[in-house]
PDB file of N, CA and C in Angstrom:
ATOM      1  N   UNK A   1       9.540  50.152  37.065  1.00  0.00           N
ATOM      2  CA  UNK A   1      10.133  51.204  36.266  1.00  0.00           C
ATOM      3  C   UNK A   1      11.530  51.442  36.711  1.00  0.00           C
ATOM      4  N   UNK A   2      12.451  51.613  35.737  1.00  0.00           N
ATOM      5  CA  UNK A   2      13.800  51.883  36.110  1.00  0.00           C
ATOM      6  C   UNK A   2      14.030  53.322  36.524  1.00  0.00           C
ATOM      7  N   UNK A   3      15.175  53.569  37.199  1.00  0.00           N
ATOM      8  CA  UNK A   3      15.512  54.894  37.586  1.00  0.00           C
ATOM      9  C   UNK A   3      15.774  55.792  36.369  1.00  0.00           C
ATOM     10  N   UNK A   4      15.656  57.062  36.608  1.00  0.00           N
ATOM     11  CA  UNK A   4      15.939  58.062  35.590  1.00  0.00           C
ATOM     12  C   UNK A   4      17.365  57.845  35.021  1.00  0.00           C
ATOM     13  N   UNK A   5      17.527  58.089  33.719  1.00  0.00           N
ATOM     14  CA  UNK A   5      18.820  57.992  33.058  1.00  0.00           C
ATOM     15  C   UNK A   5      19.708  59.135  33.444  1.00  0.00           C
ATOM     16  N   UNK A   6      21.022  58.951  33.039  1.00  0.00           N
ATOM     17  CA  UNK A   6      21.986  59.996  33.230  1.00  0.00           C
ATOM     18  C   UNK A   6      22.868  60.094  31.945  1.00  0.00           C
ATOM     19  N   UNK A   7      22.551  61.034  31.108  1.00  0.00           N
ATOM     20  CA  UNK A   7      23.290  61.155  29.822  1.00  0.00           C
ATOM     21  C   UNK A   7      24.750  61.447  29.983  1.00  0.00           C
ATOM     22  N   UNK A   8      25.131  61.873  31.153  1.00  0.00           N
ATOM     23  CA  UNK A   8      26.553  62.221  31.384  1.00  0.00           C
ATOM     24  C   UNK A   8      27.363  60.975  31.751  1.00  0.00           C
ATOM     25  N   UNK A   9      26.718  59.854  31.975  1.00  0.00           N
ATOM     26  CA  UNK A   9      27.301  58.575  32.278  1.00  0.00           C
ATOM     27  C   UNK A   9      27.478  57.836  30.976  1.00  0.00           C
ATOM     28  N   UNK A  10      28.706  57.574  30.531  1.00  0.00           N
ATOM     29  CA  UNK A  10      28.954  56.891  29.291  1.00  0.00           C
ATOM     30  C   UNK A  10      28.370  55.497  29.197  1.00  0.00           C
ATOM     31  N   UNK A  11      28.001  54.882  30.318  1.00  0.00           N
ATOM     32  CA  UNK A  11      27.426  53.554  30.351  1.00  0.00           C
ATOM     33  C   UNK A  11      25.908  53.588  30.270  1.00  0.00           C
ATOM     34  N   UNK A  12      25.301  54.716  30.400  1.00  0.00           N
ATOM     35  CA  UNK A  12      23.857  54.825  30.518  1.00  0.00           C
ATOM     36  C   UNK A  12      23.210  54.795  29.054  1.00  0.00           C
ATOM     37  N   UNK A  13      22.200  53.962  28.920  1.00  0.00           N
ATOM     38  CA  UNK A  13      21.534  53.881  27.546  1.00  0.00           C
ATOM     39  C   UNK A  13      20.955  55.210  27.107  1.00  0.00           C
ATOM     40  N   UNK A  14      20.683  56.123  28.026  1.00  0.00           N
ATOM     41  CA  UNK A  14      20.092  57.420  27.692  1.00  0.00           C
ATOM     42  C   UNK A  14      21.058  58.184  26.746  1.00  0.00           C
ATOM     43  N   UNK A  15      22.324  57.956  26.905  1.00  0.00           N
ATOM     44  CA  UNK A  15      23.294  58.687  26.036  1.00  0.00           C
ATOM     45  C   UNK A  15      23.138  58.280  24.592  1.00  0.00           C
ATOM     46  N   UNK A  16      22.923  56.984  24.382  1.00  0.00           N
ATOM     47  CA  UNK A  16      22.713  56.468  22.980  1.00  0.00           C
ATOM     48  C   UNK A  16      21.438  57.110  22.396  1.00  0.00           C
ATOM     49  N   UNK A  17      20.438  57.091  23.192  1.00  0.00           N
ATOM     50  CA  UNK A  17      19.109  57.679  22.726  1.00  0.00           C
ATOM     51  C   UNK A  17      19.263  59.157  22.465  1.00  0.00           C
ATOM     52  N   UNK A  18      19.998  59.816  23.293  1.00  0.00           N
ATOM     53  CA  UNK A  18      20.277  61.295  23.121  1.00  0.00           C
ATOM     54  C   UNK A  18      20.991  61.536  21.822  1.00  0.00           C
ATOM     55  N   UNK A  19      21.962  60.652  21.548  1.00  0.00           N
ATOM     56  CA  UNK A  19      22.754  60.792  20.265  1.00  0.00           C
ATOM     57  C   UNK A  19      21.875  60.562  19.081  1.00  0.00           C
ATOM     58  N   UNK A  20      20.938  59.628  19.217  1.00  0.00           N
ATOM     59  CA  UNK A  20      20.046  59.351  18.037  1.00  0.00           C
ATOM     60  C   UNK A  20      19.107  60.516  17.782  1.00  0.00           C
ATOM     61  N   UNK A  21      18.526  61.068  18.915  1.00  0.00           N
ATOM     62  CA  UNK A  21      17.535  62.100  18.825  1.00  0.00           C
ATOM     63  C   UNK A  21      18.168  63.456  18.498  1.00  0.00           C
ATOM     64  N   UNK A  22      19.364  63.728  18.946  1.00  0.00           N
ATOM     65  CA  UNK A  22      19.935  65.051  18.771  1.00  0.00           C
ATOM     66  C   UNK A  22      21.118  65.067  17.759  1.00  0.00           C
ATOM     67  N   UNK A  23      21.381  63.985  17.165  1.00  0.00           N
ATOM     68  CA  UNK A  23      22.457  63.963  16.205  1.00  0.00           C
ATOM     69  C   UNK A  23      22.036  64.727  14.918  1.00  0.00           C
ATOM     70  N   UNK A  24      22.925  64.934  14.029  1.00  0.00           N
ATOM     71  CA  UNK A  24      22.629  65.761  12.903  1.00  0.00           C
ATOM     72  C   UNK A  24      21.382  65.310  12.135  1.00  0.00           C
ATOM     73  N   UNK A  25      21.275  64.045  11.787  1.00  0.00           N
ATOM     74  CA  UNK A  25      20.142  63.556  10.968  1.00  0.00           C
ATOM     75  C   UNK A  25      18.920  63.259  11.837  1.00  0.00           C
ATOM     76  N   UNK A  26      19.115  62.685  13.039  1.00  0.00           N
ATOM     77  CA  UNK A  26      17.979  62.369  13.869  1.00  0.00           C
ATOM     78  C   UNK A  26      17.190  63.621  14.241  1.00  0.00           C
ATOM     79  N   UNK A  27      17.811  64.655  14.587  1.00  0.00           N
ATOM     80  CA  UNK A  27      17.075  65.866  14.968  1.00  0.00           C
ATOM     81  C   UNK A  27      16.271  66.447  13.775  1.00  0.00           C
ATOM     82  N   UNK A  28      16.949  66.423  12.587  1.00  0.00           N
ATOM     83  CA  UNK A  28      16.259  66.957  11.412  1.00  0.00           C
ATOM     84  C   UNK A  28      15.048  66.097  11.039  1.00  0.00           C
ATOM     85  N   UNK A  29      15.223  64.762  11.122  1.00  0.00           N
ATOM     86  CA  UNK A  29      14.150  63.876  10.779  1.00  0.00           C
ATOM     87  C   UNK A  29      12.983  64.082  11.784  1.00  0.00           C
ATOM     88  N   UNK A  30      13.258  64.093  13.035  1.00  0.00           N
ATOM     89  CA  UNK A  30      12.229  64.274  14.016  1.00  0.00           C
ATOM     90  C   UNK A  30      11.477  65.595  13.811  1.00  0.00           C
ATOM     91  N   UNK A  31      12.229  66.668  13.593  1.00  0.00           N
ATOM     92  CA  UNK A  31      11.572  67.959  13.361  1.00  0.00           C
ATOM     93  C   UNK A  31      10.709  67.945  12.123  1.00  0.00           C
ATOM     94  N   UNK A  32      11.162  67.322  11.064  1.00  0.00           N
ATOM     95  CA  UNK A  32      10.331  67.218   9.847  1.00  0.00           C
ATOM     96  C   UNK A  32       9.049  66.412  10.019  1.00  0.00           C
ATOM     97  N   UNK A  33       9.202  65.338  10.785  1.00  0.00           N
ATOM     98  CA  UNK A  33       8.002  64.467  11.013  1.00  0.00           C
ATOM     99  C   UNK A  33       7.023  65.130  11.954  1.00  0.00           C
ATOM    100  N   UNK A  34       7.411  66.202  12.629  1.00  0.00           N
ATOM    101  CA  UNK A  34       6.433  67.000  13.451  1.00  0.00           C
ATOM    102  C   UNK A  34       5.342  67.540  12.536  1.00  0.00           C
ATOM    103  N   UNK A  35       5.628  67.802  11.290  1.00  0.00           N
ATOM    104  CA  UNK A  35       4.648  68.280  10.349  1.00  0.00           C
ATOM    105  C   UNK A  35       3.672  67.178   9.811  1.00  0.00           C
ATOM    106  N   UNK A  36       3.952  65.940  10.142  1.00  0.00           N
ATOM    107  CA  UNK A  36       3.002  64.875   9.744  1.00  0.00           C
ATOM    108  C   UNK A  36       3.742  63.700   9.168  1.00  0.00           C
ATOM    109  N   UNK A  37       2.985  62.683   8.776  1.00  0.00           N
ATOM    110  CA  UNK A  37       3.520  61.445   8.270  1.00  0.00           C
ATOM    111  C   UNK A  37       4.194  61.642   6.921  1.00  0.00           C
ATOM    112  N   UNK A  38       5.317  61.052   6.681  1.00  0.00           N
ATOM    113  CA  UNK A  38       6.061  61.176   5.472  1.00  0.00           C
ATOM    114  C   UNK A  38       6.537  59.760   4.992  1.00  0.00           C
ATOM    115  N   UNK A  39       6.669  59.584   3.739  1.00  0.00           N
ATOM    116  CA  UNK A  39       7.272  58.416   3.180  1.00  0.00           C
ATOM    117  C   UNK A  39       8.787  58.625   3.110  1.00  0.00           C
ATOM    118  N   UNK A  40       9.527  57.512   2.877  1.00  0.00           N
ATOM    119  CA  UNK A  40      10.990  57.562   2.861  1.00  0.00           C
ATOM    120  C   UNK A  40      11.502  58.608   1.871  1.00  0.00           C
ATOM    121  N   UNK A  41      11.025  58.556   0.659  1.00  0.00           N
ATOM    122  CA  UNK A  41      11.456  59.483  -0.371  1.00  0.00           C
ATOM    123  C   UNK A  41      11.139  60.926  -0.056  1.00  0.00           C
ATOM    124  N   UNK A  42       9.974  61.131   0.558  1.00  0.00           N
ATOM    125  CA  UNK A  42       9.610  62.498   0.966  1.00  0.00           C
ATOM    126  C   UNK A  42      10.605  63.034   2.033  1.00  0.00           C
ATOM    127  N   UNK A  43      10.926  62.149   3.004  1.00  0.00           N
ATOM    128  CA  UNK A  43      11.834  62.549   4.035  1.00  0.00           C
ATOM    129  C   UNK A  43      13.181  62.838   3.442  1.00  0.00           C
ATOM    130  N   UNK A  44      13.631  62.032   2.517  1.00  0.00           N
ATOM    131  CA  UNK A  44      14.905  62.262   1.928  1.00  0.00           C
ATOM    132  C   UNK A  44      14.983  63.566   1.214  1.00  0.00           C
ATOM    133  N   UNK A  45      13.921  63.965   0.540  1.00  0.00           N
ATOM    134  CA  UNK A  45      13.892  65.285  -0.115  1.00  0.00           C
ATOM    135  C   UNK A  45      13.837  66.397   0.870  1.00  0.00           C
ATOM    136  N   UNK A  46      13.103  66.217   1.962  1.00  0.00           N
ATOM    137  CA  UNK A  46      12.891  67.288   2.969  1.00  0.00           C
ATOM    138  C   UNK A  46      14.150  67.525   3.793  1.00  0.00           C
ATOM    139  N   UNK A  47      14.902  66.471   4.052  1.00  0.00           N
ATOM    140  CA  UNK A  47      16.115  66.557   4.853  1.00  0.00           C
ATOM    141  C   UNK A  47      17.298  66.605   3.895  1.00  0.00           C
ATOM    142  N   UNK A  48      17.536  67.756   3.283  1.00  0.00           N
ATOM    143  CA  UNK A  48      18.546  67.895   2.251  1.00  0.00           C
ATOM    144  C   UNK A  48      19.923  67.446   2.722  1.00  0.00           C
ATOM    145  N   UNK A  49      20.584  66.667   1.831  1.00  0.00           N
ATOM    146  CA  UNK A  49      21.959  66.238   2.161  1.00  0.00           C
ATOM    147  C   UNK A  49      22.117  64.895   2.794  1.00  0.00           C
ATOM    148  N   UNK A  50      21.020  64.292   3.276  1.00  0.00           N
ATOM    149  CA  UNK A  50      21.106  62.959   3.889  1.00  0.00           C
ATOM    150  C   UNK A  50      21.148  61.942   2.836  1.00  0.00           C
ATOM    151  N   UNK A  51      22.048  60.956   2.967  1.00  0.00           N
ATOM    152  CA  UNK A  51      22.066  59.830   1.992  1.00  0.00           C
ATOM    153  C   UNK A  51      21.010  58.819   2.318  1.00  0.00           C
ATOM    154  N   UNK A  52      20.712  57.976   1.349  1.00  0.00           N
ATOM    155  CA  UNK A  52      19.666  56.999   1.518  1.00  0.00           C
ATOM    156  C   UNK A  52      20.104  56.035   2.705  1.00  0.00           C
ATOM    157  N   UNK A  53      21.327  55.676   2.685  1.00  0.00           N
ATOM    158  CA  UNK A  53      21.824  54.741   3.720  1.00  0.00           C
ATOM    159  C   UNK A  53      21.715  55.403   5.117  1.00  0.00           C
ATOM    160  N   UNK A  54      22.153  56.611   5.240  1.00  0.00           N
ATOM    161  CA  UNK A  54      22.143  57.340   6.512  1.00  0.00           C
ATOM    162  C   UNK A  54      20.688  57.517   7.014  1.00  0.00           C
ATOM    163  N   UNK A  55      19.769  57.931   6.114  1.00  0.00           N
ATOM    164  CA  UNK A  55      18.405  58.054   6.464  1.00  0.00           C
ATOM    165  C   UNK A  55      17.771  56.756   6.958  1.00  0.00           C
ATOM    166  N   UNK A  56      18.112  55.704   6.234  1.00  0.00           N
ATOM    167  CA  UNK A  56      17.600  54.365   6.668  1.00  0.00           C
ATOM    168  C   UNK A  56      18.114  53.994   8.085  1.00  0.00           C
ATOM    169  N   UNK A  57      19.378  54.228   8.333  1.00  0.00           N
ATOM    170  CA  UNK A  57      19.958  53.941   9.620  1.00  0.00           C
ATOM    171  C   UNK A  57      19.384  54.800  10.700  1.00  0.00           C
ATOM    172  N   UNK A  58      19.142  56.058  10.387  1.00  0.00           N
ATOM    173  CA  UNK A  58      18.570  57.031  11.350  1.00  0.00           C
ATOM    174  C   UNK A  58      17.167  56.623  11.746  1.00  0.00           C
ATOM    175  N   UNK A  59      16.351  56.294  10.728  1.00  0.00           N
ATOM    176  CA  UNK A  59      14.987  55.931  10.961  1.00  0.00           C
ATOM    177  C   UNK A  59      14.888  54.636  11.773  1.00  0.00           C
ATOM    178  N   UNK A  60      15.772  53.733  11.510  1.00  0.00           N
ATOM    179  CA  UNK A  60      15.833  52.441  12.251  1.00  0.00           C
ATOM    180  C   UNK A  60      16.150  52.682  13.705  1.00  0.00           C
ATOM    181  N   UNK A  61      17.141  53.534  13.969  1.00  0.00           N
ATOM    182  CA  UNK A  61      17.497  53.880  15.339  1.00  0.00           C
ATOM    183  C   UNK A  61      16.387  54.581  16.074  1.00  0.00           C
ATOM    184  N   UNK A  62      15.743  55.525  15.374  1.00  0.00           N
ATOM    185  CA  UNK A  62      14.651  56.264  15.998  1.00  0.00           C
ATOM    186  C   UNK A  62      13.445  55.409  16.298  1.00  0.00           C
ATOM    187  N   UNK A  63      13.226  54.474  15.366  1.00  0.00           N
ATOM    188  CA  UNK A  63      12.115  53.523  15.550  1.00  0.00           C
ATOM    189  C   UNK A  63      12.435  52.604  16.775  1.00  0.00           C
ATOM    190  N   UNK A  64      13.659  52.085  16.838  1.00  0.00           N
ATOM    191  CA  UNK A  64      14.037  51.201  17.951  1.00  0.00           C
ATOM    192  C   UNK A  64      13.900  51.936  19.315  1.00  0.00           C
ATOM    193  N   UNK A  65      14.224  53.254  19.298  1.00  0.00           N
ATOM    194  CA  UNK A  65      14.100  54.036  20.526  1.00  0.00           C
ATOM    195  C   UNK A  65      12.681  54.426  20.906  1.00  0.00           C
ATOM    196  N   UNK A  66      11.750  54.099  20.017  1.00  0.00           N
ATOM    197  CA  UNK A  66      10.359  54.413  20.279  1.00  0.00           C
ATOM    198  C   UNK A  66       9.943  55.814  19.928  1.00  0.00           C
ATOM    199  N   UNK A  67      10.751  56.521  19.086  1.00  0.00           N
ATOM    200  CA  UNK A  67      10.442  57.860  18.736  1.00  0.00           C
ATOM    201  C   UNK A  67       9.683  57.958  17.381  1.00  0.00           C
ATOM    202  N   UNK A  68       9.905  56.969  16.523  1.00  0.00           N
ATOM    203  CA  UNK A  68       9.302  56.946  15.189  1.00  0.00           C
ATOM    204  C   UNK A  68       8.514  55.645  14.994  1.00  0.00           C
ATOM    205  N   UNK A  69       7.370  55.785  14.344  1.00  0.00           N
ATOM    206  CA  UNK A  69       6.531  54.628  14.033  1.00  0.00           C
ATOM    207  C   UNK A  69       6.699  54.374  12.503  1.00  0.00           C
ATOM    208  N   UNK A  70       6.927  53.172  12.157  1.00  0.00           N
ATOM    209  CA  UNK A  70       7.078  52.737  10.741  1.00  0.00           C
ATOM    210  C   UNK A  70       5.894  51.856  10.393  1.00  0.00           C
ATOM    211  N   UNK A  71       5.125  52.266   9.391  1.00  0.00           N
ATOM    212  CA  UNK A  71       3.952  51.508   8.946  1.00  0.00           C
ATOM    213  C   UNK A  71       4.134  51.057   7.505  1.00  0.00           C
ATOM    214  N   UNK A  72       4.123  49.735   7.331  1.00  0.00           N
ATOM    215  CA  UNK A  72       4.223  49.174   5.973  1.00  0.00           C
ATOM    216  C   UNK A  72       2.800  48.853   5.511  1.00  0.00           C
ATOM    217  N   UNK A  73       2.449  49.383   4.367  1.00  0.00           N
ATOM    218  CA  UNK A  73       1.164  49.117   3.780  1.00  0.00           C
ATOM    219  C   UNK A  73       1.296  47.940   2.774  1.00  0.00           C
ATOM    220  N   UNK A  74       0.365  47.007   2.892  1.00  0.00           N
ATOM    221  CA  UNK A  74       0.413  45.827   2.035  1.00  0.00           C
ATOM    222  C   UNK A  74      -0.088  46.089   0.596  1.00  0.00           C
ATOM    223  N   UNK A  75       0.621  46.956  -0.163  1.00  0.00           N
ATOM    224  CA  UNK A  75       0.296  47.281  -1.479  1.00  0.00           C
ATOM    225  C   UNK A  75       1.497  47.057  -2.377  1.00  0.00           C
ATOM    226  N   UNK A  76       1.230  47.035  -3.665  1.00  0.00           N
ATOM    227  CA  UNK A  76       2.299  46.929  -4.655  1.00  0.00           C
ATOM    228  C   UNK A  76       2.326  48.168  -5.534  1.00  0.00           C
ATOM    229  N   UNK A  77       3.395  48.951  -5.642  1.00  0.00           N
ATOM    230  CA  UNK A  77       4.654  48.753  -4.911  1.00  0.00           C
ATOM    231  C   UNK A  77       4.531  49.009  -3.445  1.00  0.00           C
ATOM    232  N   UNK A  78       5.460  48.542  -2.612  1.00  0.00           N
ATOM    233  CA  UNK A  78       5.334  48.675  -1.216  1.00  0.00           C
ATOM    234  C   UNK A  78       5.341  50.112  -0.796  1.00  0.00           C
ATOM    235  N   UNK A  79       4.593  50.441   0.218  1.00  0.00           N
ATOM    236  CA  UNK A  79       4.483  51.832   0.690  1.00  0.00           C
ATOM    237  C   UNK A  79       4.730  51.794   2.173  1.00  0.00           C
ATOM    238  N   UNK A  80       5.728  52.607   2.628  1.00  0.00           N
ATOM    239  CA  UNK A  80       6.101  52.690   3.971  1.00  0.00           C
ATOM    240  C   UNK A  80       5.932  54.154   4.447  1.00  0.00           C
ATOM    241  N   UNK A  81       5.204  54.347   5.496  1.00  0.00           N
ATOM    242  CA  UNK A  81       5.037  55.672   6.082  1.00  0.00           C
ATOM    243  C   UNK A  81       5.772  55.740   7.427  1.00  0.00           C
ATOM    244  N   UNK A  82       6.284  56.958   7.695  1.00  0.00           N
ATOM    245  CA  UNK A  82       6.977  57.196   9.021  1.00  0.00           C
ATOM    246  C   UNK A  82       6.204  58.344   9.686  1.00  0.00           C
ATOM    247  N   UNK A  83       6.002  58.187  10.994  1.00  0.00           N
ATOM    248  CA  UNK A  83       5.350  59.160  11.772  1.00  0.00           C
ATOM    249  C   UNK A  83       5.932  59.186  13.181  1.00  0.00           C
ATOM    250  N   UNK A  84       5.599  60.142  14.003  1.00  0.00           N
ATOM    251  CA  UNK A  84       6.169  60.240  15.320  1.00  0.00           C
ATOM    252  C   UNK A  84       5.211  59.474  16.287  1.00  0.00           C
ATOM    253  N   UNK A  85       5.833  58.866  17.213  1.00  0.00           N
ATOM    254  CA  UNK A  85       5.142  58.265  18.355  1.00  0.00           C
ATOM    255  C   UNK A  85       4.826  59.419  19.355  1.00  0.00           C
ATOM    256  N   UNK A  86       4.108  59.140  20.410  1.00  0.00           N
ATOM    257  CA  UNK A  86       3.883  60.155  21.441  1.00  0.00           C
ATOM    258  C   UNK A  86       5.241  60.677  22.022  1.00  0.00           C
ATOM    259  N   UNK A  87       6.200  59.741  22.257  1.00  0.00           N
ATOM    260  CA  UNK A  87       7.534  60.106  22.746  1.00  0.00           C
ATOM    261  C   UNK A  87       8.236  60.977  21.707  1.00  0.00           C
ATOM    262  N   UNK A  88       8.125  60.536  20.456  1.00  0.00           N
ATOM    263  CA  UNK A  88       8.762  61.264  19.339  1.00  0.00           C
ATOM    264  C   UNK A  88       8.237  62.668  19.232  1.00  0.00           C
ATOM    265  N   UNK A  89       6.905  62.812  19.386  1.00  0.00           N
ATOM    266  CA  UNK A  89       6.356  64.151  19.292  1.00  0.00           C
ATOM    267  C   UNK A  89       6.844  65.092  20.352  1.00  0.00           C
ATOM    268  N   UNK A  90       6.977  64.548  21.624  1.00  0.00           N
ATOM    269  CA  UNK A  90       7.541  65.351  22.682  1.00  0.00           C
ATOM    270  C   UNK A  90       8.994  65.794  22.296  1.00  0.00           C
ATOM    271  N   UNK A  91       9.800  64.878  21.837  1.00  0.00           N
ATOM    272  CA  UNK A  91      11.190  65.265  21.454  1.00  0.00           C
ATOM    273  C   UNK A  91      11.190  66.228  20.316  1.00  0.00           C
ATOM    274  N   UNK A  92      10.346  65.947  19.311  1.00  0.00           N
ATOM    275  CA  UNK A  92      10.382  66.837  18.106  1.00  0.00           C
ATOM    276  C   UNK A  92       9.989  68.244  18.453  1.00  0.00           C
ATOM    277  N   UNK A  93       9.035  68.408  19.373  1.00  0.00           N
ATOM    278  CA  UNK A  93       8.606  69.750  19.750  1.00  0.00           C
ATOM    279  C   UNK A  93       9.747  70.518  20.341  1.00  0.00           C
ATOM    280  N   UNK A  94      10.501  69.843  21.231  1.00  0.00           N
ATOM    281  CA  UNK A  94      11.648  70.468  21.853  1.00  0.00           C
ATOM    282  C   UNK A  94      12.680  70.848  20.863  1.00  0.00           C
ATOM    283  N   UNK A  95      13.006  69.908  19.987  1.00  0.00           N
ATOM    284  CA  UNK A  95      13.987  70.186  18.943  1.00  0.00           C
ATOM    285  C   UNK A  95      13.580  71.283  18.012  1.00  0.00           C
ATOM    286  N   UNK A  96      12.281  71.284  17.648  1.00  0.00           N
ATOM    287  CA  UNK A  96      11.769  72.305  16.759  1.00  0.00           C
ATOM    288  C   UNK A  96      11.849  73.661  17.421  1.00  0.00           C
ATOM    289  N   UNK A  97      11.569  73.729  18.688  1.00  0.00           N
ATOM    290  CA  UNK A  97      11.719  74.979  19.422  1.00  0.00           C
ATOM    291  C   UNK A  97      13.152  75.471  19.402  1.00  0.00           C
ATOM    292  N   UNK A  98      14.088  74.576  19.617  1.00  0.00           N
ATOM    293  CA  UNK A  98      15.507  74.962  19.562  1.00  0.00           C
ATOM    294  C   UNK A  98      15.893  75.449  18.175  1.00  0.00           C
ATOM    295  N   UNK A  99      15.470  74.704  17.137  1.00  0.00           N
ATOM    296  CA  UNK A  99      15.710  75.086  15.761  1.00  0.00           C
ATOM    297  C   UNK A  99      15.139  76.511  15.433  1.00  0.00           C
ATOM    298  N   UNK A 100      13.935  76.804  15.949  1.00  0.00           N
ATOM    299  CA  UNK A 100      13.371  78.121  15.722  1.00  0.00           C
ATOM    300  C   UNK A 100      14.185  79.190  16.413  1.00  0.00           C
ATOM    301  N   UNK A 101      14.644  78.886  17.625  1.00  0.00           N
ATOM    302  CA  UNK A 101      15.441  79.879  18.371  1.00  0.00           C
ATOM    303  C   UNK A 101      16.780  80.099  17.592  1.00  0.00           C
ATOM    304  N   UNK A 102      17.402  79.041  17.082  1.00  0.00           N
ATOM    305  CA  UNK A 102      18.627  79.180  16.354  1.00  0.00           C
ATOM    306  C   UNK A 102      18.395  80.003  15.091  1.00  0.00           C
ATOM    307  N   UNK A 103      17.348  79.710  14.379  1.00  0.00           N
ATOM    308  CA  UNK A 103      17.038  80.527  13.139  1.00  0.00           C
ATOM    309  C   UNK A 103      16.803  81.930  13.408  1.00  0.00           C
ATOM    310  N   UNK A 104      16.074  82.247  14.498  1.00  0.00           N
ATOM    311  CA  UNK A 104      15.829  83.648  14.843  1.00  0.00           C
ATOM    312  C   UNK A 104      17.122  84.386  15.245  1.00  0.00           C
ATOM    313  N   UNK A 105      18.114  83.657  15.761  1.00  0.00           N
ATOM    314  CA  UNK A 105      19.323  84.263  16.216  1.00  0.00           C
ATOM    315  C   UNK A 105      20.509  84.130  15.289  1.00  0.00           C
ATOM    316  N   UNK A 106      20.239  83.774  14.014  1.00  0.00           N
ATOM    317  CA  UNK A 106      21.357  83.644  13.068  1.00  0.00           C
ATOM    318  C   UNK A 106      22.188  84.960  12.990  1.00  0.00           C
ATOM    319  N   UNK A 107      21.550  86.105  12.959  1.00  0.00           N
ATOM    320  CA  UNK A 107      22.369  87.351  12.904  1.00  0.00           C
ATOM    321  C   UNK A 107      23.277  87.468  14.092  1.00  0.00           C
ATOM    322  N   UNK A 108      22.802  87.087  15.272  1.00  0.00           N
ATOM    323  CA  UNK A 108      23.643  87.165  16.479  1.00  0.00           C
ATOM    324  C   UNK A 108      24.829  86.126  16.386  1.00  0.00           C
ATOM    325  N   UNK A 109      24.530  85.004  15.877  1.00  0.00           N
ATOM    326  CA  UNK A 109      25.563  83.928  15.761  1.00  0.00           C
ATOM    327  C   UNK A 109      26.627  84.397  14.727  1.00  0.00           C
ATOM    328  N   UNK A 110      26.147  84.961  13.664  1.00  0.00           N
ATOM    329  CA  UNK A 110      27.076  85.405  12.606  1.00  0.00           C
ATOM    330  C   UNK A 110      27.973  86.572  13.159  1.00  0.00           C
ATOM    331  N   UNK A 111      27.380  87.437  13.874  1.00  0.00           N
ATOM    332  CA  UNK A 111      28.147  88.542  14.498  1.00  0.00           C
ATOM    333  C   UNK A 111      29.201  88.020  15.471  1.00  0.00           C
ATOM    334  N   UNK A 112      28.821  87.041  16.253  1.00  0.00           N
ATOM    335  CA  UNK A 112      29.721  86.398  17.197  1.00  0.00           C
ATOM    336  C   UNK A 112      30.858  85.690  16.418  1.00  0.00           C
ATOM    337  N   UNK A 113      30.551  85.007  15.348  1.00  0.00           N
ATOM    338  CA  UNK A 113      31.535  84.268  14.581  1.00  0.00           C
ATOM    339  C   UNK A 113      32.476  85.266  13.882  1.00  0.00           C
ATOM    340  N   UNK A 114      31.945  86.388  13.365  1.00  0.00           N
ATOM    341  CA  UNK A 114      32.792  87.374  12.763  1.00  0.00           C
ATOM    342  C   UNK A 114      33.758  88.029  13.739  1.00  0.00           C
ATOM    343  N   UNK A 115      33.196  88.316  14.975  1.00  0.00           N
ATOM    344  CA  UNK A 115      34.015  88.822  16.006  1.00  0.00           C
ATOM    345  C   UNK A 115      35.158  87.890  16.432  1.00  0.00           C
ATOM    346  N   UNK A 116      34.784  86.598  16.574  1.00  0.00           N
ATOM    347  CA  UNK A 116      35.761  85.596  16.908  1.00  0.00           C
ATOM    348  C   UNK A 116      36.888  85.482  15.836  1.00  0.00           C
ATOM    349  N   UNK A 117      36.427  85.437  14.545  1.00  0.00           N
ATOM    350  CA  UNK A 117      37.362  85.318  13.469  1.00  0.00           C
ATOM    351  C   UNK A 117      38.273  86.530  13.374  1.00  0.00           C
ATOM    352  N   UNK A 118      37.773  87.709  13.662  1.00  0.00           N
ATOM    353  CA  UNK A 118      38.591  88.932  13.594  1.00  0.00           C
ATOM    354  C   UNK A 118      39.624  88.921  14.737  1.00  0.00           C
ATOM    355  N   UNK A 119      39.244  88.461  15.931  1.00  0.00           N
ATOM    356  CA  UNK A 119      40.181  88.335  17.056  1.00  0.00           C
ATOM    357  C   UNK A 119      41.235  87.287  16.762  1.00  0.00           C
ATOM    358  N   UNK A 120      40.889  86.230  16.119  1.00  0.00           N
ATOM    359  CA  UNK A 120      41.861  85.164  15.774  1.00  0.00           C
ATOM    360  C   UNK A 120      42.896  85.625  14.743  1.00  0.00           C
ATOM    361  N   UNK A 121      42.465  86.485  13.828  1.00  0.00           N
ATOM    362  CA  UNK A 121      43.368  86.968  12.801  1.00  0.00           C
ATOM    363  C   UNK A 121      44.423  87.908  13.404  1.00  0.00           C
ATOM    364  N   UNK A 122      44.105  88.578  14.440  1.00  0.00           N
ATOM    365  CA  UNK A 122      44.988  89.510  15.116  1.00  0.00           C
ATOM    366  C   UNK A 122      45.926  88.851  16.141  1.00  0.00           C
ATOM    367  N   UNK A 123      45.878  87.568  16.251  1.00  0.00           N
ATOM    368  CA  UNK A 123      46.746  86.832  17.226  1.00  0.00           C
ATOM    369  C   UNK A 123      48.008  86.506  16.641  1.00  0.00           C
TER     370      UNK A 123
END
């Protein structure tokens, strides 16, 4: 087994994985899949604003990193389901906790932003 990664080292592969899991679309996809298996179209509707191309790229990266499992069912029309792997579940739980904390603190963030904006206007 290799040594622990270092996301602060630009040459470490952990940085790429961190970018996939915590990037705008990756984090939203992982958090949505925490609720259970979804098909591509369902994910696209649940993660508002993501393009088909970006969702496909995100899912591919997360699958390659071992966070998402892609299952193709041999039916016509083709059916593909996406779910979390055990690693993906661990990541998604942490991301979901962070999202919950952010949502709970929106009033605090807005107050801080308003305060910042007011100070910047007076400069």
